[in-house]
Amino acid sequence: MEEINNIEVVPCTESNYLKPFRVHYNQNGTKKSWDFMRTHDSVSVLIFNTTSHCFVLVKQFRPAVYMCEWEKAKMQPPRAEEKTEEGAAEAAAAESQEGQSASAGESSSQWPPASAGVTYELCAGLVDKPDLPLEEIARQEVLEECGYDVPASKLKRITSYRSGVGVTGAKQTMFYAEVSDDNCVGAGGGEPREGELIEVVKVPLHEAMTFAYDERIPKTMGVIFSFIWFHNNMSPKYKISTNV
């Protein structure tokens, strides 16, 4: 998962997932404009294994996160030990990069490690099958990504909300699913034909809130919110502290 190379940044002229637009409008007599992306809505699932009393998350490489970290790294001044090396290599680097594009010519040492783009997330997927109810889409994602076969009728709807309100405004609907080891029918890992490379991760219930608030662990807001929801609504059922 964390072996990333041959990175090249190019303009995105066509996509099956994102379509850029600019809207012009008047608000309280003031003329305004805003750039936004149209994209699919999505579903996410908080999975709790009742056999081992742990949450089942997914871990995967996110190029957008990685590129944000790369941009941040470019703004940082080089460390003292790097400056001497840069001076010695500057001429050779300029010669070797001559004629290459800016993205392809970036020295590999300038790219952060691939782990900079790895995040912990809820099992989730796009709502790109209009003929299927959200519960069925969520059920399929749980099976593909995490290997648990759960009937759609067993999925509990938590809530829906808007994500990326400044850029996409897409809606995500979150579900809760209780599974046991008996429901596990595969290893998960996503759909290789779609380029997915997913690692299934288990977080013990008693470590959940520590995990949620640990800023050193890269995670989505969905993980944090869903753990809090579980603590407020489900923890008394299991009589186990979530370590708030």
C-alpha atoms as a PDB file:
ATOM      1  CA  MET A   1       0.000   0.000   0.000  1.00  0.00           C
ATOM      2  CA  GLU A   2       2.747   2.424   0.896  1.00  0.00           C
ATOM      3  CA  GLU A   3       4.951   1.953  -2.155  1.00  0.00           C
ATOM      4  CA  ILE A   4       4.202   4.986  -4.313  1.00  0.00           C
ATOM      5  CA  ASN A   5       6.384   6.071  -7.235  1.00  0.00           C
ATOM      6  CA  ASN A   6       6.334   7.533 -10.764  1.00  0.00           C
ATOM      7  CA  ILE A   7       4.206  10.448  -9.571  1.00  0.00           C
ATOM      8  CA  GLU A   8       3.029  12.844 -12.276  1.00  0.00           C
ATOM      9  CA  VAL A   9       0.579  15.710 -11.816  1.00  0.00           C
ATOM     10  CA  VAL A  10      -1.419  16.610 -14.931  1.00  0.00           C
ATOM     11  CA  PRO A  11      -4.525  18.732 -15.647  1.00  0.00           C
ATOM     12  CA  CYS A  12      -7.845  16.941 -15.192  1.00  0.00           C
ATOM     13  CA  THR A  13      -9.825  17.618 -18.359  1.00  0.00           C
ATOM     14  CA  GLU A  14     -12.434  14.865 -17.958  1.00  0.00           C
ATOM     15  CA  SER A  15     -13.623  12.765 -15.022  1.00  0.00           C
ATOM     16  CA  ASN A  16     -16.345  10.270 -14.188  1.00  0.00           C
ATOM     17  CA  TYR A  17     -16.404  11.525 -10.605  1.00  0.00           C
ATOM     18  CA  LEU A  18     -15.923  15.304 -10.637  1.00  0.00           C
ATOM     19  CA  LYS A  19     -17.317  18.042 -12.855  1.00  0.00           C
ATOM     20  CA  PRO A  20     -16.194  21.647 -12.215  1.00  0.00           C
ATOM     21  CA  PHE A  21     -18.617  24.562 -12.569  1.00  0.00           C
ATOM     22  CA  ARG A  22     -18.794  28.271 -11.778  1.00  0.00           C
ATOM     23  CA  VAL A  23     -22.092  29.743 -10.624  1.00  0.00           C
ATOM     24  CA  HIS A  24     -22.917  33.481 -10.771  1.00  0.00           C
ATOM     25  CA  TYR A  25     -25.638  34.849  -8.526  1.00  0.00           C
ATOM     26  CA  ASN A  26     -26.871  37.900  -6.620  1.00  0.00           C
ATOM     27  CA  GLN A  27     -27.107  37.826  -2.834  1.00  0.00           C
ATOM     28  CA  ASN A  28     -28.693  40.773  -1.039  1.00  0.00           C
ATOM     29  CA  GLY A  29     -27.947  42.982  -4.019  1.00  0.00           C
ATOM     30  CA  THR A  30     -24.311  41.931  -4.330  1.00  0.00           C
ATOM     31  CA  LYS A  31     -23.139  40.094  -7.433  1.00  0.00           C
ATOM     32  CA  LYS A  32     -21.101  36.996  -6.544  1.00  0.00           C
ATOM     33  CA  SER A  33     -19.583  33.909  -8.118  1.00  0.00           C
ATOM     34  CA  TRP A  34     -18.459  30.558  -6.738  1.00  0.00           C
ATOM     35  CA  ASP A  35     -16.512  27.615  -8.120  1.00  0.00           C
ATOM     36  CA  PHE A  36     -17.760  24.157  -7.191  1.00  0.00           C
ATOM     37  CA  MET A  37     -17.582  20.501  -8.144  1.00  0.00           C
ATOM     38  CA  ARG A  38     -20.518  18.253  -8.882  1.00  0.00           C
ATOM     39  CA  THR A  39     -19.929  14.737  -7.610  1.00  0.00           C
ATOM     40  CA  HIS A  40     -21.796  11.672  -6.369  1.00  0.00           C
ATOM     41  CA  ASP A  41     -23.423  11.407  -2.969  1.00  0.00           C
ATOM     42  CA  SER A  42     -22.087   8.626  -0.755  1.00  0.00           C
ATOM     43  CA  VAL A  43     -22.807   6.223   2.080  1.00  0.00           C
ATOM     44  CA  SER A  44     -20.649   5.276   5.063  1.00  0.00           C
ATOM     45  CA  VAL A  45     -21.010   2.511   7.637  1.00  0.00           C
ATOM     46  CA  LEU A  46     -19.870   2.311  11.244  1.00  0.00           C
ATOM     47  CA  ILE A  47     -19.210  -1.407  11.740  1.00  0.00           C
ATOM     48  CA  PHE A  48     -19.089  -2.896  15.230  1.00  0.00           C
ATOM     49  CA  ASN A  49     -18.012  -6.506  15.735  1.00  0.00           C
ATOM     50  CA  THR A  50     -19.957  -7.903  18.688  1.00  0.00           C
ATOM     51  CA  THR A  51     -17.719 -10.959  18.946  1.00  0.00           C
ATOM     52  CA  SER A  52     -14.490  -9.077  19.579  1.00  0.00           C
ATOM     53  CA  HIS A  53     -16.029  -5.765  20.739  1.00  0.00           C
ATOM     54  CA  CYS A  54     -14.146  -3.695  18.197  1.00  0.00           C
ATOM     55  CA  PHE A  55     -14.870  -1.264  15.395  1.00  0.00           C
ATOM     56  CA  VAL A  56     -13.977  -2.260  11.862  1.00  0.00           C
ATOM     57  CA  LEU A  57     -12.409   0.551   9.843  1.00  0.00           C
ATOM     58  CA  VAL A  58     -10.643   0.722   6.513  1.00  0.00           C
ATOM     59  CA  LYS A  59      -7.194   2.124   5.848  1.00  0.00           C
ATOM     60  CA  GLN A  60      -6.183   3.312   2.405  1.00  0.00           C
ATOM     61  CA  PHE A  61      -3.962   5.660   0.433  1.00  0.00           C
ATOM     62  CA  ARG A  62      -5.689   8.895  -0.562  1.00  0.00           C
ATOM     63  CA  PRO A  63      -3.929  10.819  -3.364  1.00  0.00           C
ATOM     64  CA  ALA A  64      -5.664  14.098  -2.444  1.00  0.00           C
ATOM     65  CA  VAL A  65      -4.367  13.870   1.127  1.00  0.00           C
ATOM     66  CA  TYR A  66      -0.917  12.965  -0.143  1.00  0.00           C
ATOM     67  CA  MET A  67      -0.792  15.959  -2.495  1.00  0.00           C
ATOM     68  CA  CYS A  68      -1.862  18.290   0.323  1.00  0.00           C
ATOM     69  CA  GLU A  69       1.033  16.992   2.398  1.00  0.00           C
ATOM     70  CA  TRP A  70       3.344  17.448  -0.587  1.00  0.00           C
ATOM     71  CA  GLU A  71       2.260  21.084  -0.989  1.00  0.00           C
ATOM     72  CA  LYS A  72       2.845  21.630   2.715  1.00  0.00           C
ATOM     73  CA  ALA A  73       6.287  20.033   2.515  1.00  0.00           C
ATOM     74  CA  LYS A  74       7.277  22.340  -0.346  1.00  0.00           C
ATOM     75  CA  MET A  75       6.632  25.347   1.886  1.00  0.00           C
ATOM     76  CA  GLN A  76       8.929  24.091   4.634  1.00  0.00           C
ATOM     77  CA  PRO A  77      12.550  25.369   4.582  1.00  0.00           C
ATOM     78  CA  PRO A  78      15.144  22.600   4.096  1.00  0.00           C
ATOM     79  CA  ARG A  79      16.870  21.265   7.180  1.00  0.00           C
ATOM     80  CA  ALA A  80      20.462  22.322   7.780  1.00  0.00           C
ATOM     81  CA  GLU A  81      21.915  18.942   6.766  1.00  0.00           C
ATOM     82  CA  GLU A  82      19.907  19.050   3.544  1.00  0.00           C
ATOM     83  CA  LYS A  83      21.281  22.433   2.478  1.00  0.00           C
ATOM     84  CA  THR A  84      24.845  21.171   2.020  1.00  0.00           C
ATOM     85  CA  GLU A  85      23.620  18.236  -0.031  1.00  0.00           C
ATOM     86  CA  GLU A  86      21.484  20.488  -2.203  1.00  0.00           C
ATOM     87  CA  GLY A  87      24.416  22.708  -3.083  1.00  0.00           C
ATOM     88  CA  ALA A  88      26.496  19.760  -4.257  1.00  0.00           C
ATOM     89  CA  ALA A  89      23.689  18.199  -6.261  1.00  0.00           C
ATOM     90  CA  GLU A  90      22.150  21.347  -7.739  1.00  0.00           C
ATOM     91  CA  ALA A  91      24.081  21.367 -11.017  1.00  0.00           C
ATOM     92  CA  ALA A  92      23.617  17.670 -11.671  1.00  0.00           C
ATOM     93  CA  ALA A  93      19.918  17.861 -10.849  1.00  0.00           C
ATOM     94  CA  ALA A  94      19.376  20.794 -13.207  1.00  0.00           C
ATOM     95  CA  GLU A  95      21.066  18.914 -16.049  1.00  0.00           C
ATOM     96  CA  SER A  96      19.180  15.677 -15.482  1.00  0.00           C
ATOM     97  CA  GLN A  97      15.829  17.464 -15.311  1.00  0.00           C
ATOM     98  CA  GLU A  98      16.341  19.515 -18.455  1.00  0.00           C
ATOM     99  CA  GLY A  99      13.518  19.005 -20.907  1.00  0.00           C
ATOM    100  CA  GLN A 100      11.199  17.332 -18.407  1.00  0.00           C
ATOM    101  CA  SER A 101       7.865  18.683 -17.216  1.00  0.00           C
ATOM    102  CA  ALA A 102       7.732  20.348 -13.814  1.00  0.00           C
ATOM    103  CA  SER A 103       5.799  17.481 -12.281  1.00  0.00           C
ATOM    104  CA  ALA A 104       7.944  14.741 -13.755  1.00  0.00           C
ATOM    105  CA  GLY A 105      11.132  16.619 -12.926  1.00  0.00           C
ATOM    106  CA  GLU A 106      10.495  16.778  -9.200  1.00  0.00           C
ATOM    107  CA  SER A 107      13.273  15.020  -7.313  1.00  0.00           C
ATOM    108  CA  SER A 108      12.010  11.894  -5.597  1.00  0.00           C
ATOM    109  CA  SER A 109      13.558  13.161  -2.373  1.00  0.00           C
ATOM    110  CA  GLN A 110      11.075  16.055  -2.435  1.00  0.00           C
ATOM    111  CA  TRP A 111       8.072  13.770  -2.185  1.00  0.00           C
ATOM    112  CA  PRO A 112       6.903  12.827   1.323  1.00  0.00           C
ATOM    113  CA  PRO A 113       6.648   9.142   2.219  1.00  0.00           C
ATOM    114  CA  ALA A 114       3.545   7.385   0.939  1.00  0.00           C
ATOM    115  CA  SER A 115       2.322   7.030   4.529  1.00  0.00           C
ATOM    116  CA  ALA A 116       1.569  10.763   4.446  1.00  0.00           C
ATOM    117  CA  GLY A 117      -1.438   9.967   2.268  1.00  0.00           C
ATOM    118  CA  VAL A 118      -2.816   7.010   4.240  1.00  0.00           C
ATOM    119  CA  THR A 119      -5.989   7.621   6.261  1.00  0.00           C
ATOM    120  CA  TYR A 120      -8.324   5.653   8.546  1.00  0.00           C
ATOM    121  CA  GLU A 121     -11.946   5.818   7.466  1.00  0.00           C
ATOM    122  CA  LEU A 122     -15.367   4.277   7.802  1.00  0.00           C
ATOM    123  CA  CYS A 123     -16.321   1.732   5.194  1.00  0.00           C
ATOM    124  CA  ALA A 124     -17.884   3.902   2.486  1.00  0.00           C
ATOM    125  CA  GLY A 125     -18.819   4.138  -1.175  1.00  0.00           C
ATOM    126  CA  LEU A 126     -20.357   6.318  -3.855  1.00  0.00           C
ATOM    127  CA  VAL A 127     -24.061   6.374  -4.579  1.00  0.00           C
ATOM    128  CA  ASP A 128     -23.651   5.659  -8.275  1.00  0.00           C
ATOM    129  CA  LYS A 129     -26.380   3.037  -8.704  1.00  0.00           C
ATOM    130  CA  PRO A 130     -29.671   4.966  -8.796  1.00  0.00           C
ATOM    131  CA  ASP A 131     -31.732   1.773  -8.994  1.00  0.00           C
ATOM    132  CA  LEU A 132     -30.524   0.562  -5.583  1.00  0.00           C
ATOM    133  CA  PRO A 133     -31.638   1.835  -2.145  1.00  0.00           C
ATOM    134  CA  LEU A 134     -28.930   3.330   0.058  1.00  0.00           C
ATOM    135  CA  GLU A 135     -29.078   0.372   2.439  1.00  0.00           C
ATOM    136  CA  GLU A 136     -28.222  -2.045  -0.360  1.00  0.00           C
ATOM    137  CA  ILE A 137     -25.328   0.111  -1.581  1.00  0.00           C
ATOM    138  CA  ALA A 138     -24.026   0.235   1.987  1.00  0.00           C
ATOM    139  CA  ARG A 139     -24.411  -3.544   2.336  1.00  0.00           C
ATOM    140  CA  GLN A 140     -22.363  -4.122  -0.814  1.00  0.00           C
ATOM    141  CA  GLU A 141     -19.610  -1.811   0.428  1.00  0.00           C
ATOM    142  CA  VAL A 142     -19.390  -3.654   3.759  1.00  0.00           C
ATOM    143  CA  LEU A 143     -19.010  -6.946   1.885  1.00  0.00           C
ATOM    144  CA  GLU A 144     -16.450  -5.673  -0.646  1.00  0.00           C
ATOM    145  CA  GLU A 145     -14.308  -3.577   1.678  1.00  0.00           C
ATOM    146  CA  CYS A 146     -14.508  -5.467   4.969  1.00  0.00           C
ATOM    147  CA  GLY A 147     -15.672  -8.978   4.110  1.00  0.00           C
ATOM    148  CA  TYR A 148     -18.845  -9.082   6.233  1.00  0.00           C
ATOM    149  CA  ASP A 149     -22.131 -10.255   4.742  1.00  0.00           C
ATOM    150  CA  VAL A 150     -24.841  -8.250   6.510  1.00  0.00           C
ATOM    151  CA  PRO A 151     -28.485  -8.096   5.373  1.00  0.00           C
ATOM    152  CA  ALA A 152     -29.533  -4.613   4.295  1.00  0.00           C
ATOM    153  CA  SER A 153     -32.414  -4.828   6.768  1.00  0.00           C
ATOM    154  CA  LYS A 154     -29.892  -4.970   9.627  1.00  0.00           C
ATOM    155  CA  LEU A 155     -28.353  -1.615   8.744  1.00  0.00           C
ATOM    156  CA  LYS A 156     -29.451   1.189  11.058  1.00  0.00           C
ATOM    157  CA  ARG A 157     -29.549   4.668   9.559  1.00  0.00           C
ATOM    158  CA  ILE A 158     -27.726   7.139  11.828  1.00  0.00           C
ATOM    159  CA  THR A 159     -28.110  10.379   9.878  1.00  0.00           C
ATOM    160  CA  SER A 160     -27.194  12.192   6.688  1.00  0.00           C
ATOM    161  CA  TYR A 161     -25.169  15.368   6.299  1.00  0.00           C
ATOM    162  CA  ARG A 162     -23.406  17.545   3.756  1.00  0.00           C
ATOM    163  CA  SER A 163     -19.679  17.125   3.226  1.00  0.00           C
ATOM    164  CA  GLY A 164     -17.280  19.437   1.392  1.00  0.00           C
ATOM    165  CA  VAL A 165     -19.815  22.259   1.560  1.00  0.00           C
ATOM    166  CA  GLY A 166     -17.333  24.747   0.103  1.00  0.00           C
ATOM    167  CA  VAL A 167     -16.444  22.615  -2.897  1.00  0.00           C
ATOM    168  CA  THR A 168     -18.925  19.806  -3.599  1.00  0.00           C
ATOM    169  CA  GLY A 169     -21.863  20.032  -1.202  1.00  0.00           C
ATOM    170  CA  ALA A 170     -22.414  16.287  -1.620  1.00  0.00           C
ATOM    171  CA  LYS A 171     -24.592  14.384   0.824  1.00  0.00           C
ATOM    172  CA  GLN A 172     -23.344  11.400   2.816  1.00  0.00           C
ATOM    173  CA  THR A 173     -25.677   9.029   4.633  1.00  0.00           C
ATOM    174  CA  MET A 174     -24.203   7.142   7.584  1.00  0.00           C
ATOM    175  CA  PHE A 175     -25.350   3.704   8.744  1.00  0.00           C
ATOM    176  CA  TYR A 176     -24.550   1.479  11.704  1.00  0.00           C
ATOM    177  CA  ALA A 177     -24.038  -2.260  11.337  1.00  0.00           C
ATOM    178  CA  GLU A 178     -23.459  -4.853  14.023  1.00  0.00           C
ATOM    179  CA  VAL A 179     -21.546  -7.890  12.802  1.00  0.00           C
ATOM    180  CA  SER A 180     -20.051 -10.989  14.358  1.00  0.00           C
ATOM    181  CA  ASP A 181     -17.287 -13.309  13.308  1.00  0.00           C
ATOM    182  CA  ASP A 182     -20.010 -15.540  11.863  1.00  0.00           C
ATOM    183  CA  ASN A 183     -20.799 -12.804   9.307  1.00  0.00           C
ATOM    184  CA  CYS A 184     -17.226 -12.725   8.030  1.00  0.00           C
ATOM    185  CA  VAL A 185     -17.183 -14.433   4.622  1.00  0.00           C
ATOM    186  CA  GLY A 186     -14.012 -12.920   3.157  1.00  0.00           C
ATOM    187  CA  ALA A 187     -10.944 -10.791   3.734  1.00  0.00           C
ATOM    188  CA  GLY A 188     -12.390  -7.617   2.253  1.00  0.00           C
ATOM    189  CA  GLY A 189      -9.890  -5.229   0.733  1.00  0.00           C
ATOM    190  CA  GLY A 190     -12.103  -3.597  -1.860  1.00  0.00           C
ATOM    191  CA  GLU A 191     -12.567  -4.294  -5.542  1.00  0.00           C
ATOM    192  CA  PRO A 192      -9.194  -4.748  -7.314  1.00  0.00           C
ATOM    193  CA  ARG A 193     -10.825  -4.217 -10.723  1.00  0.00           C
ATOM    194  CA  GLU A 194     -11.680  -0.688  -9.594  1.00  0.00           C
ATOM    195  CA  GLY A 195      -8.147  -0.068  -8.366  1.00  0.00           C
ATOM    196  CA  GLU A 196      -9.055  -0.312  -4.689  1.00  0.00           C
ATOM    197  CA  LEU A 197      -6.357  -1.340  -2.237  1.00  0.00           C
ATOM    198  CA  ILE A 198      -7.867  -1.364   1.244  1.00  0.00           C
ATOM    199  CA  GLU A 199      -6.616  -2.686   4.559  1.00  0.00           C
ATOM    200  CA  VAL A 200      -9.166  -3.721   7.173  1.00  0.00           C
ATOM    201  CA  VAL A 201      -8.334  -2.328  10.626  1.00  0.00           C
ATOM    202  CA  LYS A 202      -9.915  -3.149  13.998  1.00  0.00           C
ATOM    203  CA  VAL A 203     -10.110  -0.625  16.839  1.00  0.00           C
ATOM    204  CA  PRO A 204     -11.019  -2.056  20.274  1.00  0.00           C
ATOM    205  CA  LEU A 205     -14.073  -0.435  21.834  1.00  0.00           C
ATOM    206  CA  HIS A 206     -12.222   0.640  24.973  1.00  0.00           C
ATOM    207  CA  GLU A 207      -9.647   2.491  22.835  1.00  0.00           C
ATOM    208  CA  ALA A 208     -12.141   4.155  20.504  1.00  0.00           C
ATOM    209  CA  MET A 209     -12.283   7.680  21.908  1.00  0.00           C
ATOM    210  CA  THR A 210      -8.544   7.843  22.446  1.00  0.00           C
ATOM    211  CA  PHE A 211      -8.186   6.823  18.805  1.00  0.00           C
ATOM    212  CA  ALA A 212     -10.731   9.420  17.700  1.00  0.00           C
ATOM    213  CA  TYR A 213      -9.004  12.346  19.388  1.00  0.00           C
ATOM    214  CA  ASP A 214      -5.409  11.362  18.669  1.00  0.00           C
ATOM    215  CA  GLU A 215      -4.324  13.965  16.099  1.00  0.00           C
ATOM    216  CA  ARG A 216      -1.331  11.852  15.137  1.00  0.00           C
ATOM    217  CA  ILE A 217      -3.694   9.318  13.565  1.00  0.00           C
ATOM    218  CA  PRO A 218      -4.968  10.606  10.191  1.00  0.00           C
ATOM    219  CA  LYS A 219      -8.696   9.975  10.015  1.00  0.00           C
ATOM    220  CA  THR A 220     -11.922  11.365   8.621  1.00  0.00           C
ATOM    221  CA  MET A 221     -14.523  13.329  10.537  1.00  0.00           C
ATOM    222  CA  GLY A 222     -16.893  10.418   9.977  1.00  0.00           C
ATOM    223  CA  VAL A 223     -14.773   8.227  12.238  1.00  0.00           C
ATOM    224  CA  ILE A 224     -14.776  10.797  15.042  1.00  0.00           C
ATOM    225  CA  PHE A 225     -18.494  11.559  14.774  1.00  0.00           C
ATOM    226  CA  SER A 226     -19.545   7.920  14.577  1.00  0.00           C
ATOM    227  CA  PHE A 227     -17.471   6.937  17.619  1.00  0.00           C
ATOM    228  CA  ILE A 228     -19.099   9.740  19.593  1.00  0.00           C
ATOM    229  CA  TRP A 229     -22.528   8.611  18.353  1.00  0.00           C
ATOM    230  CA  PHE A 230     -21.796   5.057  19.501  1.00  0.00           C
ATOM    231  CA  HIS A 231     -20.625   6.274  22.916  1.00  0.00           C
ATOM    232  CA  ASN A 232     -23.822   8.281  23.388  1.00  0.00           C
ATOM    233  CA  ASN A 233     -26.270   5.709  22.034  1.00  0.00           C
ATOM    234  CA  MET A 234     -24.844   2.204  22.173  1.00  0.00           C
ATOM    235  CA  SER A 235     -22.196   1.968  24.908  1.00  0.00           C
ATOM    236  CA  PRO A 236     -24.686   1.355  27.744  1.00  0.00           C
ATOM    237  CA  LYS A 237     -25.843  -1.764  25.882  1.00  0.00           C
ATOM    238  CA  TYR A 238     -22.376  -3.283  26.095  1.00  0.00           C
ATOM    239  CA  LYS A 239     -21.488  -1.851  29.510  1.00  0.00           C
ATOM    240  CA  ILE A 240     -17.936  -1.179  28.376  1.00  0.00           C
ATOM    241  CA  SER A 241     -16.214   2.166  28.749  1.00  0.00           C
ATOM    242  CA  THR A 242     -15.205   3.827  25.504  1.00  0.00           C
ATOM    243  CA  ASN A 243     -12.419   5.622  27.370  1.00  0.00           C
ATOM    244  CA  VAL A 244     -13.616   9.205  26.964  1.00  0.00           C
END
